[in-house]
N, C-alpha and C. Protein backbone atom coordinates (compact mmCIF):
# COMPACT_ATOMS: atom_id res chain seq x y z
N MET A 1 11.51 -5.35 -11.96
CA MET A 1 10.76 -4.73 -10.89
C MET A 1 10.81 -3.21 -10.94
N ASP A 2 11.54 -2.64 -11.89
CA ASP A 2 11.65 -1.19 -11.96
C ASP A 2 10.32 -0.51 -12.22
N GLY A 3 9.36 -1.23 -12.82
CA GLY A 3 8.10 -0.63 -13.18
C GLY A 3 7.09 -0.54 -12.05
N VAL A 4 7.39 -1.08 -10.88
CA VAL A 4 6.43 -1.06 -9.78
C VAL A 4 6.31 0.35 -9.23
N LYS A 5 5.08 0.85 -9.21
CA LYS A 5 4.82 2.21 -8.71
C LYS A 5 3.87 2.12 -7.53
N VAL A 6 4.01 3.06 -6.62
CA VAL A 6 3.12 3.18 -5.47
C VAL A 6 2.27 4.42 -5.70
N SER A 7 1.00 4.31 -5.45
CA SER A 7 0.08 5.42 -5.63
C SER A 7 0.42 6.56 -4.66
N ALA A 8 0.56 7.76 -5.20
CA ALA A 8 0.81 8.92 -4.36
C ALA A 8 -0.38 9.15 -3.43
N GLN A 9 -1.58 8.85 -3.91
CA GLN A 9 -2.77 9.02 -3.08
C GLN A 9 -2.74 8.07 -1.89
N ALA A 10 -2.30 6.82 -2.11
CA ALA A 10 -2.20 5.86 -1.01
C ALA A 10 -1.17 6.33 0.01
N TYR A 11 -0.08 6.91 -0.47
CA TYR A 11 0.95 7.44 0.43
C TYR A 11 0.40 8.61 1.23
N LEU A 12 -0.32 9.51 0.57
CA LEU A 12 -0.91 10.65 1.27
C LEU A 12 -1.87 10.19 2.36
N GLU A 13 -2.69 9.21 2.03
CA GLU A 13 -3.64 8.70 3.02
C GLU A 13 -2.92 8.07 4.22
N LYS A 14 -1.84 7.35 3.93
CA LYS A 14 -1.08 6.71 5.00
C LYS A 14 -0.39 7.75 5.89
N MET A 15 0.03 8.86 5.30
CA MET A 15 0.78 9.89 6.04
C MET A 15 -0.11 10.97 6.65
N ARG A 16 -1.38 10.98 6.31
CA ARG A 16 -2.26 12.07 6.75
C ARG A 16 -2.26 12.26 8.26
N ALA A 17 -2.43 11.20 9.03
CA ALA A 17 -2.47 11.33 10.49
C ALA A 17 -1.14 11.84 11.04
N LYS A 18 -0.03 11.34 10.49
CA LYS A 18 1.29 11.79 10.96
C LYS A 18 1.51 13.26 10.60
N THR A 19 1.04 13.67 9.43
CA THR A 19 1.19 15.06 9.01
C THR A 19 0.39 15.98 9.93
N GLU A 20 -0.84 15.59 10.19
CA GLU A 20 -1.67 16.42 11.06
C GLU A 20 -1.10 16.50 12.47
N ALA A 21 -0.58 15.39 12.97
CA ALA A 21 0.02 15.38 14.31
C ALA A 21 1.25 16.30 14.36
N MET A 22 2.05 16.26 13.31
CA MET A 22 3.24 17.10 13.27
C MET A 22 2.86 18.57 13.24
N LEU A 23 1.90 18.92 12.39
CA LEU A 23 1.48 20.32 12.30
C LEU A 23 0.81 20.78 13.59
N ARG A 24 0.05 19.91 14.21
CA ARG A 24 -0.55 20.24 15.51
C ARG A 24 0.56 20.52 16.53
N GLY A 25 1.60 19.69 16.51
CA GLY A 25 2.72 19.89 17.42
C GLY A 25 3.44 21.20 17.20
N VAL A 26 3.56 21.62 15.93
CA VAL A 26 4.19 22.90 15.63
C VAL A 26 3.39 24.04 16.28
N MET A 27 2.08 24.01 16.10
CA MET A 27 1.26 25.08 16.67
C MET A 27 1.29 25.03 18.18
N GLU A 28 1.29 23.85 18.76
CA GLU A 28 1.36 23.74 20.22
C GLU A 28 2.67 24.29 20.75
N ALA A 29 3.77 24.02 20.05
CA ALA A 29 5.08 24.53 20.49
C ALA A 29 5.11 26.06 20.43
N VAL A 30 4.56 26.62 19.37
CA VAL A 30 4.54 28.08 19.24
C VAL A 30 3.62 28.68 20.30
N ASN A 31 2.46 28.06 20.52
CA ASN A 31 1.53 28.57 21.53
C ASN A 31 2.11 28.46 22.94
N ALA A 32 2.93 27.46 23.19
CA ALA A 32 3.51 27.27 24.52
C ALA A 32 4.65 28.23 24.81
N ALA A 33 5.19 28.83 23.78
CA ALA A 33 6.31 29.77 23.96
C ALA A 33 5.80 31.05 24.61
N PRO A 34 6.56 31.57 25.55
CA PRO A 34 6.14 32.80 26.21
C PRO A 34 6.21 34.00 25.27
N ASP A 35 5.34 34.97 25.52
CA ASP A 35 5.37 36.20 24.72
C ASP A 35 6.76 36.81 24.77
N GLY A 36 7.20 37.28 23.64
CA GLY A 36 8.53 37.88 23.54
C GLY A 36 9.62 36.87 23.25
N ALA A 37 9.29 35.57 23.30
CA ALA A 37 10.30 34.54 23.04
C ALA A 37 9.72 33.43 22.15
N TRP A 38 8.81 33.78 21.27
CA TRP A 38 8.17 32.78 20.43
C TRP A 38 9.18 31.98 19.62
N ILE A 39 10.12 32.66 19.01
CA ILE A 39 11.10 31.96 18.17
C ILE A 39 12.09 31.18 19.04
N ASN A 40 12.70 31.85 20.00
CA ASN A 40 13.71 31.18 20.83
C ASN A 40 13.15 29.97 21.57
N ALA A 41 11.93 30.07 22.05
CA ALA A 41 11.38 28.99 22.86
C ALA A 41 10.75 27.87 22.03
N SER A 42 10.41 28.15 20.76
CA SER A 42 9.73 27.11 19.98
C SER A 42 10.56 26.53 18.85
N GLU A 43 11.64 27.18 18.50
CA GLU A 43 12.40 26.75 17.32
C GLU A 43 12.93 25.33 17.44
N MET A 44 13.56 24.99 18.52
CA MET A 44 14.14 23.64 18.65
C MET A 44 13.07 22.55 18.70
N PRO A 45 12.01 22.71 19.49
CA PRO A 45 10.96 21.69 19.47
C PRO A 45 10.34 21.50 18.07
N VAL A 46 10.17 22.61 17.35
CA VAL A 46 9.60 22.51 16.01
C VAL A 46 10.57 21.82 15.06
N LEU A 47 11.84 22.16 15.14
CA LEU A 47 12.83 21.50 14.28
C LEU A 47 12.89 20.00 14.56
N GLU A 48 12.77 19.61 15.81
CA GLU A 48 12.75 18.19 16.16
C GLU A 48 11.51 17.50 15.58
N LEU A 49 10.38 18.18 15.63
CA LEU A 49 9.16 17.62 15.02
C LEU A 49 9.36 17.40 13.53
N PHE A 50 9.96 18.38 12.85
CA PHE A 50 10.19 18.25 11.42
C PHE A 50 11.19 17.13 11.11
N GLU A 51 12.22 17.00 11.92
CA GLU A 51 13.19 15.91 11.72
C GLU A 51 12.53 14.55 11.85
N ASP A 52 11.73 14.39 12.89
CA ASP A 52 11.02 13.13 13.10
C ASP A 52 10.06 12.84 11.95
N PHE A 53 9.36 13.88 11.51
CA PHE A 53 8.41 13.72 10.41
C PHE A 53 9.13 13.37 9.11
N GLU A 54 10.23 14.04 8.85
CA GLU A 54 11.00 13.78 7.63
C GLU A 54 11.44 12.32 7.58
N LYS A 55 11.93 11.83 8.70
CA LYS A 55 12.38 10.44 8.77
C LYS A 55 11.19 9.49 8.55
N ALA A 56 10.08 9.76 9.22
CA ALA A 56 8.89 8.90 9.09
C ALA A 56 8.35 8.94 7.66
N ALA A 57 8.35 10.12 7.04
CA ALA A 57 7.83 10.25 5.68
C ALA A 57 8.67 9.44 4.70
N TYR A 58 9.98 9.52 4.83
CA TYR A 58 10.86 8.80 3.91
C TYR A 58 10.80 7.29 4.17
N GLU A 59 10.82 6.90 5.44
CA GLU A 59 10.74 5.48 5.77
C GLU A 59 9.43 4.87 5.31
N THR A 60 8.35 5.60 5.44
CA THR A 60 7.05 5.11 5.00
C THR A 60 7.03 4.93 3.49
N ALA A 61 7.57 5.90 2.76
CA ALA A 61 7.62 5.79 1.30
C ALA A 61 8.45 4.58 0.88
N LEU A 62 9.61 4.41 1.50
CA LEU A 62 10.46 3.27 1.16
C LEU A 62 9.78 1.95 1.50
N GLN A 63 9.10 1.88 2.65
CA GLN A 63 8.43 0.64 3.04
C GLN A 63 7.29 0.32 2.08
N MET A 64 6.54 1.34 1.67
CA MET A 64 5.45 1.10 0.73
C MET A 64 5.99 0.61 -0.62
N LYS A 65 7.10 1.17 -1.06
CA LYS A 65 7.73 0.73 -2.32
C LYS A 65 8.22 -0.71 -2.19
N THR A 66 8.84 -1.02 -1.04
CA THR A 66 9.32 -2.38 -0.80
C THR A 66 8.16 -3.37 -0.79
N ASP A 67 7.09 -3.03 -0.09
CA ASP A 67 5.92 -3.90 -0.02
C ASP A 67 5.32 -4.12 -1.40
N ALA A 68 5.22 -3.07 -2.20
CA ALA A 68 4.66 -3.20 -3.54
C ALA A 68 5.54 -4.05 -4.43
N THR A 69 6.85 -3.88 -4.28
CA THR A 69 7.79 -4.65 -5.09
C THR A 69 7.74 -6.13 -4.71
N GLU A 70 7.70 -6.41 -3.42
CA GLU A 70 7.61 -7.81 -2.97
C GLU A 70 6.31 -8.44 -3.42
N GLY A 71 5.23 -7.66 -3.44
CA GLY A 71 3.95 -8.17 -3.88
C GLY A 71 3.94 -8.49 -5.37
N ALA A 72 4.80 -7.82 -6.13
CA ALA A 72 4.86 -8.05 -7.57
C ALA A 72 5.80 -9.20 -7.92
N PHE A 73 6.58 -9.66 -6.97
CA PHE A 73 7.54 -10.73 -7.20
C PHE A 73 6.82 -12.06 -7.28
N SER A 74 7.14 -12.83 -8.28
CA SER A 74 6.52 -14.14 -8.45
C SER A 74 7.55 -15.23 -8.17
N PRO A 75 7.43 -15.93 -7.03
CA PRO A 75 8.40 -16.98 -6.73
C PRO A 75 8.34 -18.12 -7.73
N GLY A 76 7.26 -18.27 -8.45
CA GLY A 76 7.15 -19.34 -9.45
C GLY A 76 7.51 -18.85 -10.83
N GLY A 77 8.16 -17.71 -10.91
CA GLY A 77 8.53 -17.13 -12.19
C GLY A 77 9.58 -17.95 -12.91
N PRO A 78 10.02 -17.46 -14.04
CA PRO A 78 11.00 -18.21 -14.85
C PRO A 78 12.29 -18.46 -14.08
N SER A 79 12.80 -19.63 -14.24
CA SER A 79 14.04 -20.03 -13.58
C SER A 79 15.22 -19.65 -14.44
N GLN A 80 16.33 -19.36 -13.82
CA GLN A 80 17.55 -19.02 -14.55
C GLN A 80 18.36 -20.27 -14.87
N ARG A 81 17.95 -21.43 -14.29
CA ARG A 81 18.69 -22.68 -14.53
C ARG A 81 18.02 -23.46 -15.65
N PRO A 82 18.82 -24.09 -16.50
CA PRO A 82 18.22 -24.95 -17.52
C PRO A 82 17.65 -26.21 -16.86
N ALA A 83 16.55 -26.68 -17.39
CA ALA A 83 15.93 -27.90 -16.86
C ALA A 83 16.82 -29.09 -17.16
N SER A 84 16.98 -29.99 -16.19
CA SER A 84 17.85 -31.15 -16.38
C SER A 84 17.13 -32.28 -17.08
N GLY A 85 15.81 -32.26 -17.07
CA GLY A 85 15.07 -33.32 -17.73
C GLY A 85 14.90 -34.55 -16.86
N GLN A 86 15.50 -34.55 -15.66
CA GLN A 86 15.37 -35.69 -14.76
C GLN A 86 14.79 -35.23 -13.46
N GLN A 87 13.95 -36.09 -12.88
CA GLN A 87 13.37 -35.79 -11.59
C GLN A 87 14.33 -36.25 -10.51
N GLY A 88 14.40 -35.51 -9.41
CA GLY A 88 15.29 -35.88 -8.31
C GLY A 88 14.81 -37.13 -7.60
N ALA A 89 15.66 -37.65 -6.71
CA ALA A 89 15.35 -38.89 -5.99
C ALA A 89 14.20 -38.75 -5.04
């Protein structure tokens, strides 16, 4: 299963809405900060947005890889047990 790859383009498409929402949130946090306190008032909300996005980005990548790997798995694939030559009861 090491050869299973997930398309970077598919990942980008899946993350596009989350990316845009995160970036929109960054600008909203900066815009909401009062004049003279842009950094102090917006830094923590922005850092929280980035933390949430980082977690979502990594979890999404891992889930897509898991889904692709499971899709490549063949339950009817070769068995590791030798055939007994007899049918069960």
